[in-house]
């Protein structure tokens, strides 16, 4: 059974940084899948934040461009999200995902990120 396990969340002050990690197990062809991160803030729908395709194309939400960086290591089946210059509005539950197609998307359990002074 496919498992995605996130780590690295927590609480930081505005302007701070966090690095989220996601290890994907029991997933064939990780190296050609699209992987990335979404988030859900309280009272809002989940939104896609950052993604990287198997071919190395990046995609970022406008709200995080220039601040967040997604990366992957196919040998370790791992995805990271480096988040810098964090804002209070970045507070959310963050979820990693792996997708072989738009109809086959697997999500992690989520990890909390809280930005407050």
Protein backbone atom coordinates (compact mmCIF):
# COMPACT_ATOMS: atom_id res chain seq x y z
CA UNK A 1 0.00 0.00 0.00
CA UNK A 2 1.32 3.43 -0.95
CA UNK A 3 2.39 5.56 1.99
CA UNK A 4 3.40 9.20 2.10
CA UNK A 5 4.88 10.40 5.37
CA UNK A 6 5.44 14.10 5.91
CA UNK A 7 7.76 15.67 8.46
CA UNK A 8 9.29 19.03 9.29
CA UNK A 9 6.25 21.06 10.16
CA UNK A 10 5.97 23.30 13.18
CA UNK A 11 5.59 26.85 14.32
CA UNK A 12 7.80 29.78 13.32
CA UNK A 13 7.62 33.54 13.34
CA UNK A 14 6.85 35.56 10.23
CA UNK A 15 9.91 35.80 8.04
CA UNK A 16 11.17 32.43 9.21
CA UNK A 17 11.83 29.24 7.28
CA UNK A 18 10.75 25.63 7.39
CA UNK A 19 11.64 22.61 5.32
CA UNK A 20 9.05 19.92 4.83
CA UNK A 21 9.97 16.39 3.82
CA UNK A 22 7.86 13.61 2.39
CA UNK A 23 8.97 10.03 1.96
CA UNK A 24 6.92 7.92 -0.44
CA UNK A 25 6.96 4.17 -0.08
CA UNK A 26 5.45 1.27 -2.02
CA UNK A 27 5.02 3.41 -5.13
CA UNK A 28 6.28 2.14 -8.45
CA UNK A 29 7.74 4.52 -11.01
CA UNK A 30 8.23 7.36 -8.54
CA UNK A 31 10.88 8.77 -10.83
CA UNK A 32 8.38 9.58 -13.59
CA UNK A 33 5.52 10.71 -11.36
CA UNK A 34 4.60 14.27 -10.58
CA UNK A 35 5.18 15.06 -6.93
CA UNK A 36 4.40 18.13 -4.92
CA UNK A 37 2.61 19.84 -2.09
CA UNK A 38 -0.78 21.24 -1.38
CA UNK A 39 -2.16 23.02 1.66
CA UNK A 40 -5.45 23.68 3.35
CA UNK A 41 -5.96 26.66 5.62
CA UNK A 42 -8.83 26.62 8.13
CA UNK A 43 -12.11 27.30 6.38
CA UNK A 44 -10.58 27.12 2.92
CA UNK A 45 -10.26 24.53 0.20
CA UNK A 46 -7.03 22.69 -0.41
CA UNK A 47 -4.83 24.47 -2.92
CA UNK A 48 -1.82 23.27 -4.85
CA UNK A 49 1.35 24.99 -3.73
CA UNK A 50 4.25 23.50 -5.64
CA UNK A 51 4.94 20.58 -7.93
CA UNK A 52 7.71 19.03 -9.96
CA UNK A 53 7.09 16.61 -12.80
CA UNK A 54 9.11 13.53 -13.58
CA UNK A 55 10.69 15.52 -16.39
CA UNK A 56 11.81 18.26 -14.00
CA UNK A 57 9.25 20.96 -14.77
CA UNK A 58 8.32 23.14 -11.82
CA UNK A 59 5.00 24.71 -11.04
CA UNK A 60 4.24 27.09 -8.18
CA UNK A 61 1.20 28.92 -6.89
CA UNK A 62 1.56 32.66 -7.42
CA UNK A 63 1.33 33.24 -3.68
CA UNK A 64 4.54 31.29 -3.00
CA UNK A 65 6.69 32.06 -6.03
CA UNK A 66 10.11 33.26 -5.03
CA UNK A 67 9.66 32.01 -1.47
CA UNK A 68 9.04 28.26 -1.74
CA UNK A 69 11.18 25.69 -3.53
CA UNK A 70 10.14 22.12 -4.27
CA UNK A 71 12.74 19.44 -4.91
CA UNK A 72 12.93 15.67 -5.20
CA UNK A 73 15.35 12.80 -4.92
CA UNK A 74 14.23 9.82 -6.97
CA UNK A 75 16.78 7.52 -5.36
CA UNK A 76 15.23 8.20 -1.95
CA UNK A 77 11.61 8.54 -3.11
CA UNK A 78 11.58 11.83 -1.25
CA UNK A 79 10.10 15.26 -1.89
CA UNK A 80 11.00 18.44 -0.05
CA UNK A 81 9.43 21.86 0.25
CA UNK A 82 11.75 24.63 1.37
CA UNK A 83 9.69 27.54 2.63
CA UNK A 84 11.35 30.90 3.23
CA UNK A 85 10.03 34.33 4.15
CA UNK A 86 6.99 32.71 5.71
CA UNK A 87 3.88 34.82 6.25
CA UNK A 88 0.98 34.39 8.64
CA UNK A 89 -1.21 33.54 5.65
CA UNK A 90 0.98 30.52 4.95
CA UNK A 91 -0.39 28.84 8.08
CA UNK A 92 -2.12 25.66 6.98
CA UNK A 93 -2.07 21.90 6.94
CA UNK A 94 0.41 20.89 4.26
CA UNK A 95 0.05 17.67 2.28
CA UNK A 96 2.47 16.04 -0.08
CA UNK A 97 1.22 14.11 -3.08
CA UNK A 98 2.39 11.82 -5.84
CA UNK A 99 0.51 11.50 -9.10
CA UNK A 100 0.91 9.20 -12.08
CA UNK A 101 -1.97 11.01 -13.81
CA UNK A 102 -4.66 13.55 -12.99
CA UNK A 103 -6.94 10.69 -11.97
CA UNK A 104 -4.42 8.86 -9.78
CA UNK A 105 -3.27 11.16 -7.00
CA UNK A 106 -2.12 9.88 -3.62
CA UNK A 107 -2.00 12.25 -0.67
CA UNK A 108 -0.17 12.16 2.62
CA UNK A 109 -1.84 12.60 5.98
CA UNK A 110 -0.81 16.21 6.34
CA UNK A 111 1.42 18.21 8.63
CA UNK A 112 0.73 21.49 10.38
CA UNK A 113 2.57 24.70 9.70
CA UNK A 114 1.82 27.68 11.92
CA UNK A 115 3.22 31.15 11.37
CA UNK A 116 2.68 33.58 14.20
CA UNK A 117 4.49 36.18 16.20
